Amino acid sequence: MESGGLSDRAKGYIYGNDLLMGFAFVVVATRFYCRMRMGSKRGLWWDDLFIMLSFVRGSCSMRETCSSLAYQAG
């Protein structure tokens, strides 16, 4: 562990979270792209709003949880 820094285990939590959230972002962005440009004539609708809101809320919650675990581990 570095002085004043996070342990390797804590950094692993943060890197793992970033990797999975990046993957989730790619999946959601691809869905929106396909919905707006390739498949649907009506564009985005109410269910897409809920997907976007839950993704934003989930990413904030995961970041907060991961940071909390990282500081407890480090």
C-alpha atoms as a PDB file:
ATOM      1  CA  MET A   1       0.000   0.000   0.000  1.00  0.00           C
ATOM      2  CA  GLU A   2       1.266   3.427  -0.884  1.00  0.00           C
ATOM      3  CA  SER A   3       1.427   6.024   1.853  1.00  0.00           C
ATOM      4  CA  GLY A   4      -1.677   8.164   1.654  1.00  0.00           C
ATOM      5  CA  GLY A   5      -3.094   6.130  -1.209  1.00  0.00           C
ATOM      6  CA  LEU A   6      -5.360   3.187  -1.734  1.00  0.00           C
ATOM      7  CA  SER A   7      -4.376  -0.440  -1.409  1.00  0.00           C
ATOM      8  CA  ASP A   8      -4.138  -2.715  -4.428  1.00  0.00           C
ATOM      9  CA  ARG A   9      -7.379  -4.376  -3.373  1.00  0.00           C
ATOM     10  CA  ALA A  10      -9.173  -1.033  -3.233  1.00  0.00           C
ATOM     11  CA  LYS A  11      -7.830  -0.087  -6.653  1.00  0.00           C
ATOM     12  CA  GLY A  12      -9.106  -3.424  -7.947  1.00  0.00           C
ATOM     13  CA  TYR A  13     -12.612  -2.556  -6.737  1.00  0.00           C
ATOM     14  CA  ILE A  14     -12.509   0.772  -8.517  1.00  0.00           C
ATOM     15  CA  TYR A  15     -11.045  -0.629 -11.759  1.00  0.00           C
ATOM     16  CA  GLY A  16     -13.556  -3.489 -11.798  1.00  0.00           C
ATOM     17  CA  ASN A  17     -16.430  -1.078 -11.279  1.00  0.00           C
ATOM     18  CA  ASP A  18     -15.178   1.217 -14.027  1.00  0.00           C
ATOM     19  CA  LEU A  19     -14.822  -1.688 -16.427  1.00  0.00           C
ATOM     20  CA  LEU A  20     -18.335  -2.993 -15.799  1.00  0.00           C
ATOM     21  CA  MET A  21     -19.919   0.458 -15.924  1.00  0.00           C
ATOM     22  CA  GLY A  22     -18.123   1.116 -19.201  1.00  0.00           C
ATOM     23  CA  PHE A  23     -19.558  -2.097 -20.604  1.00  0.00           C
ATOM     24  CA  ALA A  24     -23.039  -1.138 -19.379  1.00  0.00           C
ATOM     25  CA  PHE A  25     -22.665   2.285 -21.000  1.00  0.00           C
ATOM     26  CA  VAL A  26     -21.739   0.712 -24.335  1.00  0.00           C
ATOM     27  CA  VAL A  27     -24.773  -1.596 -24.177  1.00  0.00           C
ATOM     28  CA  VAL A  28     -27.192   1.241 -23.315  1.00  0.00           C
ATOM     29  CA  ALA A  29     -25.675   3.600 -25.888  1.00  0.00           C
ATOM     30  CA  THR A  30     -25.896   0.898 -28.573  1.00  0.00           C
ATOM     31  CA  ARG A  31     -29.530   0.296 -27.688  1.00  0.00           C
ATOM     32  CA  PHE A  32     -30.339   3.992 -27.991  1.00  0.00           C
ATOM     33  CA  TYR A  33     -28.433   4.266 -31.260  1.00  0.00           C
ATOM     34  CA  CYS A  34     -30.270   1.310 -32.762  1.00  0.00           C
ATOM     35  CA  ARG A  35     -33.571   2.615 -31.480  1.00  0.00           C
ATOM     36  CA  MET A  36     -33.138   6.111 -32.879  1.00  0.00           C
ATOM     37  CA  ARG A  37     -31.311   5.449 -36.135  1.00  0.00           C
ATOM     38  CA  MET A  38     -31.852   1.925 -37.333  1.00  0.00           C
ATOM     39  CA  GLY A  39     -35.064   0.330 -36.214  1.00  0.00           C
ATOM     40  CA  SER A  40     -37.808   2.372 -34.721  1.00  0.00           C
ATOM     41  CA  LYS A  41     -39.794   4.934 -36.661  1.00  0.00           C
ATOM     42  CA  ARG A  42     -41.164   6.538 -33.529  1.00  0.00           C
ATOM     43  CA  GLY A  43     -37.771   7.132 -31.912  1.00  0.00           C
ATOM     44  CA  LEU A  44     -37.385   7.106 -28.156  1.00  0.00           C
ATOM     45  CA  TRP A  45     -40.393   6.590 -25.918  1.00  0.00           C
ATOM     46  CA  TRP A  46     -41.260   6.432 -22.204  1.00  0.00           C
ATOM     47  CA  ASP A  47     -39.493   3.121 -21.570  1.00  0.00           C
ATOM     48  CA  ASP A  48     -36.266   4.622 -22.890  1.00  0.00           C
ATOM     49  CA  LEU A  49     -36.586   7.433 -20.363  1.00  0.00           C
ATOM     50  CA  PHE A  50     -36.780   4.870 -17.553  1.00  0.00           C
ATOM     51  CA  ILE A  51     -33.736   3.051 -18.918  1.00  0.00           C
ATOM     52  CA  MET A  52     -31.754   6.297 -18.987  1.00  0.00           C
ATOM     53  CA  LEU A  53     -32.852   7.335 -15.494  1.00  0.00           C
ATOM     54  CA  SER A  54     -32.075   3.930 -14.016  1.00  0.00           C
ATOM     55  CA  PHE A  55     -28.675   3.821 -15.723  1.00  0.00           C
ATOM     56  CA  VAL A  56     -27.722   7.233 -14.330  1.00  0.00           C
ATOM     57  CA  ARG A  57     -28.986   6.345 -10.861  1.00  0.00           C
ATOM     58  CA  GLY A  58     -27.326   2.936 -10.967  1.00  0.00           C
ATOM     59  CA  SER A  59     -23.979   4.327 -12.060  1.00  0.00           C
ATOM     60  CA  CYS A  60     -24.017   6.898  -9.249  1.00  0.00           C
ATOM     61  CA  SER A  61     -24.976   4.247  -6.725  1.00  0.00           C
ATOM     62  CA  MET A  62     -22.311   1.821  -7.929  1.00  0.00           C
ATOM     63  CA  ARG A  63     -19.622   4.497  -7.795  1.00  0.00           C
ATOM     64  CA  GLU A  64     -20.612   5.437  -4.252  1.00  0.00           C
ATOM     65  CA  THR A  65     -20.696   1.810  -3.105  1.00  0.00           C
ATOM     66  CA  CYS A  66     -17.397   1.000  -4.777  1.00  0.00           C
ATOM     67  CA  SER A  67     -15.722   4.029  -3.230  1.00  0.00           C
ATOM     68  CA  SER A  68     -17.026   3.080   0.181  1.00  0.00           C
ATOM     69  CA  LEU A  69     -15.716  -0.483  -0.166  1.00  0.00           C
ATOM     70  CA  ALA A  70     -12.399   0.762  -1.463  1.00  0.00           C
ATOM     71  CA  TYR A  71     -11.798   3.048   1.499  1.00  0.00           C
ATOM     72  CA  GLN A  72     -12.824   0.314   3.930  1.00  0.00           C
ATOM     73  CA  ALA A  73     -10.394  -2.098   2.265  1.00  0.00           C
ATOM     74  CA  GLY A  74      -7.619   0.445   2.006  1.00  0.00           C
END
